[in-house]
N, C-alpha and C. Protein backbone atom coordinates (compact mmCIF):
# COMPACT_ATOMS: atom_id res chain seq x y z
N MET A 1 0.85 -1.31 -0.03
CA MET A 1 -0.02 -0.08 -0.02
C MET A 1 0.86 1.27 -0.07
N ARG A 2 1.94 1.20 0.93
CA ARG A 2 2.73 2.39 1.00
C ARG A 2 3.48 2.65 -0.37
N GLY A 3 3.95 1.61 -0.89
CA GLY A 3 4.46 1.83 -2.42
C GLY A 3 3.60 2.42 -3.36
N GLU A 4 2.25 2.16 -3.25
CA GLU A 4 1.23 2.72 -4.09
C GLU A 4 1.00 4.24 -3.81
N GLN A 5 1.13 4.57 -2.44
CA GLN A 5 0.86 5.98 -1.95
C GLN A 5 2.10 6.86 -2.57
N THR A 6 3.25 6.59 -2.55
CA THR A 6 4.35 7.49 -2.93
C THR A 6 4.11 8.16 -4.16
N PRO A 7 3.90 7.51 -5.29
CA PRO A 7 3.71 8.28 -6.55
C PRO A 7 2.66 9.15 -6.49
N ARG A 8 1.51 8.89 -6.02
CA ARG A 8 0.37 9.83 -5.90
C ARG A 8 0.82 11.02 -5.09
N LEU A 9 1.43 11.01 -3.82
CA LEU A 9 1.91 11.90 -3.08
C LEU A 9 2.98 12.84 -3.69
N ARG A 10 3.95 12.17 -4.51
CA ARG A 10 4.88 12.90 -5.30
C ARG A 10 4.17 13.88 -6.32
N GLU A 11 3.19 13.20 -6.98
CA GLU A 11 2.58 14.05 -7.99
C GLU A 11 1.78 15.21 -7.52
N ALA A 12 1.14 14.95 -6.39
CA ALA A 12 0.40 16.00 -5.95
C ALA A 12 1.37 17.10 -5.29
N LEU A 13 2.44 16.87 -4.77
CA LEU A 13 3.41 17.82 -4.37
C LEU A 13 4.10 18.45 -5.48
N GLU A 14 4.41 17.77 -6.56
CA GLU A 14 4.93 18.36 -7.71
C GLU A 14 3.92 19.48 -8.19
N GLU A 15 2.68 19.11 -8.31
CA GLU A 15 1.78 20.18 -8.87
C GLU A 15 1.70 21.27 -7.92
N ASP A 16 1.76 21.15 -6.63
CA ASP A 16 1.62 22.20 -5.63
C ASP A 16 2.87 23.17 -5.88
N ILE A 17 3.99 22.51 -6.16
CA ILE A 17 5.19 23.35 -6.26
C ILE A 17 5.32 24.10 -7.65
N VAL A 18 5.00 23.35 -8.58
CA VAL A 18 5.12 23.94 -10.14
C VAL A 18 4.05 25.10 -10.20
N SER A 19 2.83 24.86 -9.61
CA SER A 19 1.96 25.91 -9.71
C SER A 19 2.07 27.03 -8.71
N GLY A 20 2.96 26.93 -7.76
CA GLY A 20 3.14 27.98 -6.95
C GLY A 20 2.53 28.12 -5.63
N ARG A 21 1.58 26.95 -5.45
CA ARG A 21 0.88 26.83 -4.25
C ARG A 21 1.98 26.54 -3.06
N LEU A 22 3.05 26.07 -3.34
CA LEU A 22 4.17 25.75 -2.42
C LEU A 22 5.21 26.69 -2.87
N LYS A 23 5.81 27.64 -2.14
CA LYS A 23 6.81 28.57 -2.65
C LYS A 23 8.24 28.19 -2.56
N PRO A 24 9.01 28.62 -3.59
CA PRO A 24 10.50 28.52 -3.49
C PRO A 24 11.08 28.88 -2.13
N GLY A 25 11.91 28.04 -1.49
CA GLY A 25 12.50 28.31 -0.22
C GLY A 25 11.50 27.87 0.90
N GLN A 26 10.30 27.44 0.67
CA GLN A 26 9.38 27.05 1.81
C GLN A 26 9.89 25.64 2.11
N ARG A 27 9.68 25.46 3.62
CA ARG A 27 10.18 24.23 4.21
C ARG A 27 9.04 23.27 4.10
N LEU A 28 9.02 22.15 3.81
CA LEU A 28 8.10 20.98 3.85
C LEU A 28 7.93 20.17 4.89
N ASP A 29 7.10 20.45 5.90
CA ASP A 29 7.02 19.75 7.15
C ASP A 29 6.36 18.52 6.96
N GLU A 30 7.21 17.31 7.20
CA GLU A 30 6.69 16.09 7.00
C GLU A 30 5.36 15.79 7.89
N VAL A 31 5.39 16.22 9.04
CA VAL A 31 4.21 16.01 9.84
C VAL A 31 2.96 16.68 9.39
N GLY A 32 3.08 17.73 9.07
CA GLY A 32 1.91 18.50 8.34
C GLY A 32 1.39 17.96 7.18
N LEU A 33 2.53 17.42 6.31
CA LEU A 33 2.04 16.93 5.06
C LEU A 33 1.35 15.54 5.35
N ALA A 34 1.95 14.77 6.25
CA ALA A 34 1.29 13.46 6.72
C ALA A 34 -0.22 13.84 7.07
N GLU A 35 -0.44 14.73 7.81
CA GLU A 35 -1.86 14.95 8.44
C GLU A 35 -2.74 15.40 7.15
N ARG A 36 -2.14 16.28 6.26
CA ARG A 36 -2.92 16.64 5.18
C ARG A 36 -3.52 15.68 4.26
N PHE A 37 -2.43 14.56 3.96
CA PHE A 37 -2.67 13.46 3.09
C PHE A 37 -3.42 12.32 3.68
N GLY A 38 -3.39 12.33 5.00
CA GLY A 38 -3.85 11.26 5.77
C GLY A 38 -3.10 9.93 5.74
N VAL A 39 -1.79 9.99 5.63
CA VAL A 39 -0.77 8.99 5.75
C VAL A 39 0.33 9.05 6.71
N SER A 40 1.11 8.10 6.75
CA SER A 40 2.14 8.20 7.82
C SER A 40 3.31 8.99 7.22
N ARG A 41 4.27 9.29 7.98
CA ARG A 41 5.49 10.16 7.57
C ARG A 41 6.39 9.42 6.50
N THR A 42 6.29 7.98 6.53
CA THR A 42 7.15 7.14 5.70
C THR A 42 6.86 7.49 4.16
N PRO A 43 5.70 7.31 3.68
CA PRO A 43 5.56 7.57 2.22
C PRO A 43 5.74 9.10 1.92
N ILE A 44 5.69 9.96 2.80
CA ILE A 44 5.95 11.61 2.56
C ILE A 44 7.37 11.70 2.34
N ARG A 45 8.04 10.88 3.33
CA ARG A 45 9.57 11.12 3.27
C ARG A 45 10.05 10.37 1.87
N GLU A 46 9.49 9.24 1.44
CA GLU A 46 9.97 8.91 0.08
C GLU A 46 9.69 9.57 -0.95
N ALA A 47 8.36 10.34 -1.08
CA ALA A 47 7.88 11.24 -2.08
C ALA A 47 8.96 12.37 -1.90
N LEU A 48 9.40 12.91 -0.90
CA LEU A 48 10.18 14.00 -0.80
C LEU A 48 11.55 13.60 -1.35
N ILE A 49 12.08 12.43 -1.02
CA ILE A 49 13.37 11.99 -1.74
C ILE A 49 13.34 11.91 -3.38
N GLN A 50 12.20 11.42 -3.76
CA GLN A 50 12.00 11.43 -5.27
C GLN A 50 11.95 12.75 -5.82
N LEU A 51 11.22 13.66 -5.15
CA LEU A 51 11.31 15.08 -5.47
C LEU A 51 12.53 15.70 -5.64
N ALA A 52 13.53 15.28 -4.55
CA ALA A 52 14.79 15.87 -4.54
C ALA A 52 15.73 15.12 -5.72
N ALA A 53 15.25 14.19 -5.98
CA ALA A 53 16.04 13.47 -7.33
C ALA A 53 15.81 14.19 -8.49
N SER A 54 14.55 14.75 -8.52
CA SER A 54 14.18 15.44 -9.80
C SER A 54 14.46 17.03 -9.65
N GLY A 55 15.00 17.38 -8.42
CA GLY A 55 15.53 18.83 -8.33
C GLY A 55 14.56 19.80 -7.95
N LEU A 56 13.19 19.21 -7.78
CA LEU A 56 12.19 20.19 -7.07
C LEU A 56 12.39 20.53 -5.57
N VAL A 57 12.95 19.69 -4.94
CA VAL A 57 13.33 19.75 -3.50
C VAL A 57 14.62 19.69 -3.11
N GLU A 58 15.04 20.20 -2.13
CA GLU A 58 16.39 20.12 -1.56
C GLU A 58 16.43 19.64 -0.14
N ILE A 59 16.83 18.47 0.16
CA ILE A 59 16.91 17.96 1.51
C ILE A 59 18.26 18.46 2.10
N ARG A 60 18.16 19.18 3.24
CA ARG A 60 19.26 19.72 3.96
C ARG A 60 19.40 18.91 5.26
N PRO A 61 20.74 18.36 5.64
CA PRO A 61 20.75 17.43 6.78
C PRO A 61 20.39 18.28 8.03
N ARG A 62 19.61 17.69 8.78
CA ARG A 62 19.17 18.31 10.12
C ARG A 62 18.35 19.42 10.12
N ARG A 63 17.85 19.91 8.80
CA ARG A 63 17.05 20.98 8.53
C ARG A 63 15.59 20.68 7.86
N GLY A 64 15.77 19.44 7.07
CA GLY A 64 14.46 19.19 6.37
C GLY A 64 14.65 19.38 5.02
N ALA A 65 13.26 19.28 4.31
CA ALA A 65 13.37 19.46 2.82
C ALA A 65 12.76 20.82 2.65
N PHE A 66 13.33 21.43 1.51
CA PHE A 66 12.97 22.82 1.10
C PHE A 66 12.59 22.88 -0.55
N VAL A 67 11.57 23.64 -0.71
CA VAL A 67 11.08 23.78 -2.10
C VAL A 67 12.19 24.39 -3.11
N VAL A 68 12.55 23.88 -4.21
CA VAL A 68 13.30 24.57 -5.19
C VAL A 68 12.66 24.48 -6.49
N LEU A 69 12.62 25.77 -7.13
CA LEU A 69 11.73 25.75 -8.40
C LEU A 69 12.66 26.71 -9.33
N LEU A 70 12.76 25.99 -10.54
CA LEU A 70 13.38 26.94 -11.62
C LEU A 70 12.55 28.12 -11.98
N GLY A 71 13.17 29.18 -12.37
CA GLY A 71 12.60 30.45 -12.79
C GLY A 71 12.15 30.13 -14.23
N PRO A 72 11.22 31.08 -14.63
CA PRO A 72 10.90 31.13 -16.01
C PRO A 72 11.85 30.95 -17.02
N ARG A 73 12.90 31.90 -16.88
CA ARG A 73 14.04 31.86 -17.96
C ARG A 73 14.79 30.55 -17.81
N GLU A 74 15.07 30.13 -16.59
CA GLU A 74 15.59 28.83 -16.67
C GLU A 74 14.91 27.77 -17.20
N LEU A 75 13.65 27.68 -16.97
CA LEU A 75 12.80 26.56 -17.69
C LEU A 75 12.77 26.66 -19.12
N LEU A 76 12.64 27.82 -19.70
CA LEU A 76 12.52 27.88 -21.13
C LEU A 76 14.03 27.44 -21.68
N GLU A 77 14.90 27.88 -21.02
CA GLU A 77 16.44 27.52 -21.56
C GLU A 77 16.58 26.04 -21.36
N SER A 78 16.11 25.57 -20.22
CA SER A 78 16.23 23.98 -20.15
C SER A 78 15.44 23.30 -21.14
N PHE A 79 14.19 23.75 -21.61
CA PHE A 79 13.50 22.99 -22.62
C PHE A 79 14.16 23.27 -23.92
N GLU A 80 14.71 24.39 -24.26
CA GLU A 80 15.56 24.63 -25.54
C GLU A 80 16.65 23.70 -25.59
N LEU A 81 17.45 23.42 -24.49
CA LEU A 81 18.49 22.44 -24.43
C LEU A 81 18.00 21.15 -24.59
N MET A 82 16.83 20.84 -23.84
CA MET A 82 16.42 19.50 -24.24
C MET A 82 15.86 19.19 -25.64
N ALA A 83 15.35 20.22 -26.22
CA ALA A 83 14.99 20.21 -27.58
C ALA A 83 16.16 19.78 -28.54
N GLU A 84 17.30 20.63 -28.29
CA GLU A 84 18.56 20.33 -29.14
C GLU A 84 19.02 19.00 -28.90
N ILE A 85 19.08 18.45 -27.56
CA ILE A 85 19.67 17.11 -27.22
C ILE A 85 18.71 16.05 -27.93
N GLU A 86 17.47 16.21 -27.82
CA GLU A 86 16.54 15.30 -28.43
C GLU A 86 16.65 15.31 -29.99
N ALA A 87 17.06 16.36 -30.61
CA ALA A 87 17.25 16.44 -31.98
C ALA A 87 18.44 15.63 -32.36
N ALA A 88 19.50 15.93 -31.57
CA ALA A 88 20.72 15.22 -31.86
C ALA A 88 20.50 13.57 -31.67
N CYS A 89 19.70 13.17 -30.72
CA CYS A 89 19.54 11.85 -30.55
C CYS A 89 18.72 11.25 -31.76
N GLY A 90 17.75 12.04 -32.13
CA GLY A 90 17.01 11.54 -33.42
C GLY A 90 17.97 11.35 -34.70
N ARG A 91 18.80 12.23 -34.88
CA ARG A 91 19.72 12.14 -35.97
C ARG A 91 20.69 10.90 -35.75
N LEU A 92 21.30 10.70 -34.70
CA LEU A 92 22.25 9.50 -34.53
C LEU A 92 21.43 8.31 -34.43
N ALA A 93 20.10 8.21 -33.90
CA ALA A 93 19.42 7.01 -33.75
C ALA A 93 19.14 6.56 -35.24
N VAL A 94 18.79 7.32 -36.11
CA VAL A 94 18.46 7.02 -37.49
C VAL A 94 19.72 6.32 -38.05
N LEU A 95 21.03 6.73 -37.80
CA LEU A 95 22.21 6.26 -38.45
C LEU A 95 22.48 4.89 -37.74
N ARG A 96 22.21 4.77 -36.46
CA ARG A 96 22.86 3.60 -35.75
C ARG A 96 21.91 2.59 -35.11
N MET A 97 20.52 2.89 -35.10
CA MET A 97 19.57 1.97 -34.49
C MET A 97 19.64 0.59 -35.11
N GLY A 98 19.62 -0.55 -34.39
CA GLY A 98 19.38 -1.96 -34.79
C GLY A 98 18.05 -2.28 -34.75
N VAL A 99 17.99 -3.67 -34.92
CA VAL A 99 16.74 -4.34 -34.88
C VAL A 99 16.07 -4.26 -33.51
N SER A 100 16.76 -4.44 -32.50
CA SER A 100 16.27 -4.24 -31.12
C SER A 100 15.82 -2.94 -30.75
N ASP A 101 16.70 -1.93 -31.30
CA ASP A 101 16.30 -0.52 -31.10
C ASP A 101 14.89 -0.30 -31.65
N ARG A 102 14.80 -0.69 -32.85
CA ARG A 102 13.40 -0.46 -33.50
C ARG A 102 12.37 -1.00 -32.76
N ALA A 103 12.62 -2.24 -32.33
CA ALA A 103 11.51 -2.95 -31.42
C ALA A 103 11.22 -2.17 -30.35
N ALA A 104 12.27 -1.89 -29.65
CA ALA A 104 11.87 -1.11 -28.22
C ALA A 104 11.23 0.21 -28.50
N ILE A 105 11.58 0.93 -29.55
CA ILE A 105 10.89 2.06 -29.84
C ILE A 105 9.30 1.93 -30.30
N ARG A 106 9.22 0.79 -31.09
CA ARG A 106 7.67 0.53 -31.60
C ARG A 106 7.11 -0.05 -30.22
N GLU A 107 7.58 -0.81 -29.54
CA GLU A 107 6.84 -1.19 -28.24
C GLU A 107 6.39 -0.05 -27.28
N MET A 108 7.27 0.93 -27.19
CA MET A 108 6.89 2.04 -26.30
C MET A 108 5.91 2.98 -27.02
N HIS A 109 5.93 3.00 -28.32
CA HIS A 109 5.09 3.87 -29.01
C HIS A 109 3.70 3.24 -29.03
N GLU A 110 3.53 1.84 -29.07
CA GLU A 110 2.19 1.15 -28.87
C GLU A 110 1.66 1.26 -27.46
N ALA A 111 2.48 1.39 -26.45
CA ALA A 111 2.16 1.56 -24.99
C ALA A 111 1.54 2.85 -24.94
N CYS A 112 2.15 3.85 -25.57
CA CYS A 112 1.62 5.25 -25.39
C CYS A 112 0.08 5.34 -26.36
N ARG A 113 0.08 4.48 -27.38
CA ARG A 113 -1.23 4.46 -28.11
C ARG A 113 -2.31 3.93 -27.23
N ALA A 114 -1.91 2.77 -26.56
CA ALA A 114 -3.00 2.18 -25.72
C ALA A 114 -3.27 3.11 -24.46
N ALA A 115 -2.48 3.91 -23.80
CA ALA A 115 -2.74 5.00 -22.96
C ALA A 115 -3.79 6.03 -23.42
N VAL A 116 -3.32 6.46 -24.63
CA VAL A 116 -4.36 7.47 -25.41
C VAL A 116 -5.74 6.85 -25.55
N ALA A 117 -5.72 5.72 -26.03
CA ALA A 117 -6.93 5.00 -26.31
C ALA A 117 -7.88 5.00 -25.09
N ALA A 118 -7.19 4.69 -24.00
CA ALA A 118 -7.87 4.49 -22.62
C ALA A 118 -8.07 5.84 -22.06
N GLY A 119 -7.50 7.14 -22.55
CA GLY A 119 -7.74 8.31 -21.91
C GLY A 119 -7.08 8.30 -20.56
N ASP A 120 -5.92 7.48 -20.45
CA ASP A 120 -5.16 7.33 -19.19
C ASP A 120 -3.92 8.15 -19.22
N GLU A 121 -3.87 9.48 -18.63
CA GLU A 121 -2.76 10.33 -18.51
C GLU A 121 -1.76 9.72 -17.62
N ALA A 122 -2.18 9.17 -16.53
CA ALA A 122 -1.08 8.59 -15.50
C ALA A 122 -0.38 7.46 -15.95
N THR A 123 -0.92 6.67 -17.14
CA THR A 123 -0.12 5.68 -17.80
C THR A 123 0.66 6.08 -18.99
N TYR A 124 0.08 7.29 -19.62
CA TYR A 124 0.77 7.87 -20.89
C TYR A 124 2.16 8.32 -20.47
N TYR A 125 2.16 9.13 -19.22
CA TYR A 125 3.43 9.88 -19.00
C TYR A 125 4.68 8.74 -18.95
N PRO A 126 4.51 7.92 -17.97
CA PRO A 126 5.79 6.92 -17.96
C PRO A 126 6.08 6.31 -19.34
N ALA A 127 5.09 6.02 -20.19
CA ALA A 127 5.23 5.44 -21.27
C ALA A 127 5.85 6.27 -22.25
N ASN A 128 5.47 7.51 -22.23
CA ASN A 128 6.11 8.73 -23.06
C ASN A 128 7.65 8.73 -22.59
N ALA A 129 8.02 8.66 -21.43
CA ALA A 129 9.29 8.83 -21.12
C ALA A 129 10.03 7.55 -21.56
N ARG A 130 9.48 6.44 -21.46
CA ARG A 130 10.38 5.21 -22.02
C ARG A 130 10.52 5.39 -23.57
N PHE A 131 9.52 5.92 -24.20
CA PHE A 131 9.47 6.04 -25.64
C PHE A 131 10.80 6.82 -25.94
N HIS A 132 10.81 7.94 -25.16
CA HIS A 132 11.94 8.94 -25.58
C HIS A 132 13.30 8.30 -25.13
N ALA A 133 13.41 7.58 -23.99
CA ALA A 133 14.39 6.85 -23.52
C ALA A 133 14.95 5.79 -24.73
N ALA A 134 13.94 5.13 -25.17
CA ALA A 134 14.42 4.10 -26.28
C ALA A 134 15.12 4.83 -27.48
N ILE A 135 14.62 6.00 -27.78
CA ILE A 135 15.42 6.72 -28.85
C ILE A 135 16.79 7.17 -28.46
N TYR A 136 16.89 7.60 -27.08
CA TYR A 136 18.24 7.98 -26.66
C TYR A 136 19.15 6.79 -26.68
N ALA A 137 18.61 5.60 -26.20
CA ALA A 137 19.62 4.37 -26.27
C ALA A 137 19.94 4.03 -27.69
N ALA A 138 19.01 4.12 -28.67
CA ALA A 138 19.36 3.88 -29.90
C ALA A 138 20.53 4.60 -30.70
N THR A 139 20.80 5.75 -29.97
CA THR A 139 22.09 6.53 -30.52
C THR A 139 23.33 5.86 -30.43
N GLY A 140 23.52 4.75 -29.45
CA GLY A 140 24.78 4.12 -29.31
C GLY A 140 25.69 5.00 -28.60
N ASN A 141 25.30 6.20 -28.12
CA ASN A 141 26.27 7.03 -27.36
C ASN A 141 25.86 7.28 -25.88
N ARG A 142 26.70 6.43 -25.20
CA ARG A 142 26.42 6.37 -23.77
C ARG A 142 26.37 7.93 -23.08
N VAL A 143 27.35 8.75 -23.48
CA VAL A 143 27.36 9.99 -22.82
C VAL A 143 26.20 10.91 -23.15
N LEU A 144 25.83 10.76 -24.47
CA LEU A 144 24.77 11.51 -24.81
C LEU A 144 23.24 10.92 -24.30
N THR A 145 23.25 9.80 -24.25
CA THR A 145 22.08 9.18 -23.49
C THR A 145 22.06 9.50 -22.15
N GLY A 146 23.19 9.54 -21.29
CA GLY A 146 23.13 9.84 -19.89
C GLY A 146 22.84 11.17 -19.76
N GLU A 147 23.23 12.20 -20.47
CA GLU A 147 22.81 13.68 -20.51
C GLU A 147 21.32 13.81 -20.82
N ALA A 148 20.82 13.10 -21.77
CA ALA A 148 19.41 13.16 -22.08
C ALA A 148 18.59 12.73 -20.97
N LEU A 149 18.92 11.64 -20.40
CA LEU A 149 18.11 11.07 -19.32
C LEU A 149 18.22 12.04 -18.07
N ARG A 150 19.49 12.58 -17.63
CA ARG A 150 19.45 13.47 -16.72
C ARG A 150 18.54 14.74 -16.93
N LEU A 151 18.54 15.16 -18.04
CA LEU A 151 17.73 16.46 -18.20
C LEU A 151 16.22 16.11 -18.34
N GLN A 152 16.09 14.83 -18.96
CA GLN A 152 14.51 14.35 -18.88
C GLN A 152 14.05 14.34 -17.35
N ARG A 153 14.86 13.75 -16.57
CA ARG A 153 14.52 13.66 -15.07
C ARG A 153 14.27 14.93 -14.49
N SER A 154 15.21 15.90 -14.72
CA SER A 154 15.02 17.31 -14.07
C SER A 154 13.79 17.99 -14.61
N LEU A 155 13.35 17.81 -15.95
CA LEU A 155 12.12 18.42 -16.57
C LEU A 155 10.78 17.62 -16.32
N GLN A 156 10.97 16.44 -15.83
CA GLN A 156 9.83 15.55 -15.57
C GLN A 156 8.62 16.07 -14.88
N PRO A 157 8.59 16.79 -13.91
CA PRO A 157 7.45 17.37 -13.24
C PRO A 157 6.87 18.26 -14.19
N TYR A 158 7.66 19.13 -15.00
CA TYR A 158 6.93 20.11 -15.90
C TYR A 158 6.41 19.50 -17.10
N ARG A 159 7.04 18.66 -17.64
CA ARG A 159 6.63 17.84 -18.77
C ARG A 159 5.25 16.96 -18.50
N ARG A 160 5.36 16.36 -17.15
CA ARG A 160 4.09 15.78 -16.99
C ARG A 160 3.02 16.76 -16.63
N LEU A 161 3.09 17.95 -16.19
CA LEU A 161 1.96 18.80 -15.78
C LEU A 161 1.48 19.38 -17.03
N GLN A 162 2.19 19.60 -18.12
CA GLN A 162 1.72 20.20 -19.44
C GLN A 162 0.74 19.02 -20.09
N LEU A 163 0.73 17.88 -19.61
CA LEU A 163 -0.28 16.99 -20.23
C LEU A 163 -1.86 17.38 -19.84
N LYS A 164 -1.86 18.22 -18.77
CA LYS A 164 -3.29 18.53 -18.41
C LYS A 164 -3.70 19.78 -19.15
N VAL A 165 -3.11 20.15 -19.94
CA VAL A 165 -3.51 21.12 -21.08
C VAL A 165 -4.66 20.25 -21.91
N PRO A 166 -5.86 20.73 -22.22
CA PRO A 166 -6.80 19.94 -22.90
C PRO A 166 -6.33 19.40 -24.21
N ARG A 167 -6.55 18.15 -24.32
CA ARG A 167 -6.20 17.41 -25.80
C ARG A 167 -4.66 17.31 -26.08
N ARG A 168 -3.85 17.61 -25.00
CA ARG A 168 -2.38 17.71 -25.05
C ARG A 168 -1.78 16.05 -25.22
N MET A 169 -2.47 15.31 -24.53
CA MET A 169 -1.98 13.86 -24.72
C MET A 169 -2.14 13.33 -26.09
N GLU A 170 -3.35 13.56 -26.71
CA GLU A 170 -3.71 13.21 -28.00
C GLU A 170 -2.70 13.88 -29.15
N ALA A 171 -2.36 15.26 -28.65
CA ALA A 171 -1.39 15.97 -29.51
C ALA A 171 -0.04 15.43 -29.47
N SER A 172 0.32 15.11 -28.28
CA SER A 172 1.64 14.48 -27.99
C SER A 172 1.89 13.17 -28.67
N PHE A 173 0.89 12.40 -28.69
CA PHE A 173 0.93 11.12 -29.38
C PHE A 173 1.01 11.31 -31.04
N ALA A 174 0.23 12.28 -31.49
CA ALA A 174 0.26 12.56 -32.97
C ALA A 174 1.60 12.90 -33.32
N GLU A 175 2.25 13.72 -32.43
CA GLU A 175 3.74 14.12 -32.76
C GLU A 175 4.65 12.91 -32.67
N HIS A 176 4.49 12.01 -31.84
CA HIS A 176 5.24 10.76 -31.82
C HIS A 176 5.22 9.84 -33.13
N GLU A 177 3.84 10.04 -33.65
CA GLU A 177 3.59 9.28 -34.92
C GLU A 177 4.53 9.77 -35.96
N GLY A 178 4.80 11.08 -35.92
CA GLY A 178 5.58 11.75 -36.99
C GLY A 178 6.96 11.43 -36.63
N ILE A 179 7.32 11.45 -35.35
CA ILE A 179 8.78 11.02 -35.12
C ILE A 179 9.11 9.67 -35.44
N VAL A 180 8.17 8.89 -35.25
CA VAL A 180 8.55 7.34 -35.44
C VAL A 180 8.56 7.16 -37.10
N GLU A 181 7.67 7.91 -37.84
CA GLU A 181 7.69 7.72 -39.38
C GLU A 181 9.03 8.18 -39.89
N ALA A 182 9.52 9.33 -39.29
CA ALA A 182 11.02 9.76 -39.73
C ALA A 182 12.08 9.07 -39.35
N LEU A 183 12.00 8.38 -37.97
CA LEU A 183 13.00 7.39 -37.67
C LEU A 183 13.19 6.11 -38.53
N PHE A 184 11.88 5.64 -38.72
CA PHE A 184 11.99 4.25 -39.44
C PHE A 184 11.95 4.47 -41.00
N THR A 185 12.01 5.61 -41.54
CA THR A 185 12.21 5.67 -42.99
C THR A 185 13.57 6.31 -43.24
N GLY A 186 14.43 6.54 -42.14
CA GLY A 186 15.75 6.85 -42.36
C GLY A 186 15.99 8.37 -42.52
N ASP A 187 15.01 9.04 -42.18
CA ASP A 187 15.25 10.62 -42.44
C ASP A 187 15.68 11.27 -41.14
N GLY A 188 17.09 11.36 -40.92
CA GLY A 188 17.60 11.80 -39.80
C GLY A 188 17.19 13.28 -39.52
N ALA A 189 17.26 14.17 -40.72
CA ALA A 189 17.03 15.49 -40.47
C ALA A 189 15.56 15.66 -40.13
N LEU A 190 14.74 15.07 -40.64
CA LEU A 190 13.24 15.24 -40.29
C LEU A 190 12.95 14.73 -38.91
N ALA A 191 13.61 13.67 -38.57
CA ALA A 191 13.38 13.18 -37.16
C ALA A 191 13.93 14.07 -36.06
N ALA A 192 15.04 14.78 -36.48
CA ALA A 192 15.62 15.76 -35.51
C ALA A 192 14.65 17.06 -35.40
N GLU A 193 14.12 17.39 -36.46
CA GLU A 193 13.21 18.49 -36.60
C GLU A 193 11.91 18.36 -35.77
N ARG A 194 11.45 17.07 -35.92
CA ARG A 194 10.08 16.70 -35.32
C ARG A 194 10.32 16.56 -33.85
N LEU A 195 11.57 16.08 -33.43
CA LEU A 195 11.80 15.82 -31.99
C LEU A 195 11.93 17.15 -31.38
N ARG A 196 12.65 18.20 -31.90
CA ARG A 196 13.00 19.56 -31.63
C ARG A 196 11.52 20.28 -31.26
N ALA A 197 10.82 20.19 -32.38
CA ALA A 197 9.40 20.75 -32.26
C ALA A 197 8.60 20.19 -31.19
N HIS A 198 8.72 18.80 -30.88
CA HIS A 198 7.78 18.19 -29.99
C HIS A 198 8.24 18.77 -28.59
N VAL A 199 9.45 18.84 -28.31
CA VAL A 199 9.91 19.30 -26.91
C VAL A 199 9.63 20.94 -26.80
N LEU A 200 9.92 21.70 -27.85
CA LEU A 200 9.70 23.09 -27.62
C LEU A 200 8.18 23.46 -27.46
N VAL A 201 7.33 22.60 -28.02
CA VAL A 201 5.86 22.89 -27.90
C VAL A 201 5.47 22.57 -26.47
N GLN A 202 6.04 21.53 -25.81
CA GLN A 202 5.94 21.21 -24.50
C GLN A 202 6.21 22.38 -23.49
N GLY A 203 7.32 23.08 -23.90
CA GLY A 203 7.82 24.18 -23.05
C GLY A 203 6.78 25.20 -23.24
N GLU A 204 6.37 25.54 -24.26
CA GLU A 204 5.46 26.62 -24.59
C GLU A 204 4.19 26.34 -23.91
N ARG A 205 3.60 25.12 -24.12
CA ARG A 205 2.38 24.68 -23.48
C ARG A 205 2.47 24.81 -21.95
N PHE A 206 3.62 24.35 -21.42
CA PHE A 206 3.77 24.38 -19.98
C PHE A 206 3.76 25.94 -19.42
N MET A 207 4.39 26.67 -20.09
CA MET A 207 4.49 28.14 -19.70
C MET A 207 3.04 28.78 -19.65
N THR A 208 2.26 28.41 -20.64
CA THR A 208 0.84 28.78 -20.77
C THR A 208 0.10 28.44 -19.45
N LEU A 209 0.24 27.05 -19.26
CA LEU A 209 -0.48 26.35 -18.18
C LEU A 209 0.09 26.89 -16.72
N LEU A 210 1.37 27.23 -16.66
CA LEU A 210 1.88 27.75 -15.52
C LEU A 210 1.39 28.94 -15.20
N ALA A 211 1.16 29.97 -16.07
CA ALA A 211 0.69 31.27 -15.90
C ALA A 211 -0.81 31.27 -15.40
N ALA A 212 -1.52 30.25 -15.97
CA ALA A 212 -2.99 30.02 -15.55
C ALA A 212 -3.13 29.64 -14.24
N LEU A 213 -2.10 28.58 -13.74
CA LEU A 213 -2.11 28.01 -12.45
C LEU A 213 -1.76 29.26 -11.37
N GLN A 214 -0.72 29.91 -11.68
CA GLN A 214 -0.32 30.84 -10.81
C GLN A 214 -1.36 32.01 -10.51
N ALA A 215 -2.08 32.33 -11.72
CA ALA A 215 -3.06 33.14 -11.57
C ALA A 215 -4.26 32.76 -10.56
N GLU A 216 -4.43 31.51 -10.74
CA GLU A 216 -5.47 30.94 -10.03
C GLU A 216 -5.22 30.78 -8.54
N THR A 217 -3.79 30.51 -8.23
CA THR A 217 -3.42 30.40 -7.10
C THR A 217 -3.27 31.92 -6.23
N GLU A 218 -2.98 32.88 -7.01
CA GLU A 218 -2.90 34.31 -6.47
C GLU A 218 -4.32 34.74 -6.16
N ALA A 219 -5.40 34.37 -7.05
CA ALA A 219 -6.73 34.59 -6.75
C ALA A 219 -7.26 34.07 -5.55
N LEU A 220 -6.88 32.68 -5.32
CA LEU A 220 -7.33 32.02 -4.13
C LEU A 220 -6.63 32.66 -2.79
N ASP A 221 -5.51 33.08 -2.90
CA ASP A 221 -4.62 33.78 -1.92
C ASP A 221 -5.51 34.96 -1.47
N LYS A 222 -5.90 35.71 -2.46
CA LYS A 222 -6.51 37.10 -2.24
C LYS A 222 -7.85 36.78 -1.60
N ALA A 223 -8.64 35.85 -2.11
CA ALA A 223 -9.98 35.54 -1.41
C ALA A 223 -9.84 34.90 -0.13
N GLY A 224 -8.71 34.42 0.13
CA GLY A 224 -8.49 33.74 1.53
C GLY A 224 -8.18 34.87 2.55
């Protein structure tokens, strides 16, 4: 049961941090969070450790966990960097991927298709992450793959949240279809272009959603 609680708690806290309901520098009290969610401190602690791994929380010895949030400029620049890294991965994947790489990309693509058909955002996001990871692995470049995975993890909360934009999951999968087509027909330039656009639009959608969420939070604060 506890293992099932942790992802739910992590995602709820991610949304609170990214939307501004929890402020940068704010201390996250385990006891208060446990009371809020009606759970023990253990799954709260596990969720905070996972948030620390993605960079949204800093755990300071003997002081506790504190909110860390990228500023708008850092976020945009991070999405731009991710877009260029994904484009490079697409170009190299076309040149180097083998039969097993193709199978892995196809398998993850079909997992995304199933999630879209079921309207299941919670399943779509991890399948989406594995789809991109399969493309990174197909490059055969361990350094590039490592950097892509590192940045993917740091942007994970932001990329997950943008799926809340209406019809974004369906649009994301349609973009995947174009990426897979370019990869499997051997068009490295087109694969790079489509991967770059796929990530950049995520950043744009996220910034629009973030502005709306922050406006909602400010309105609630004033009303309170």
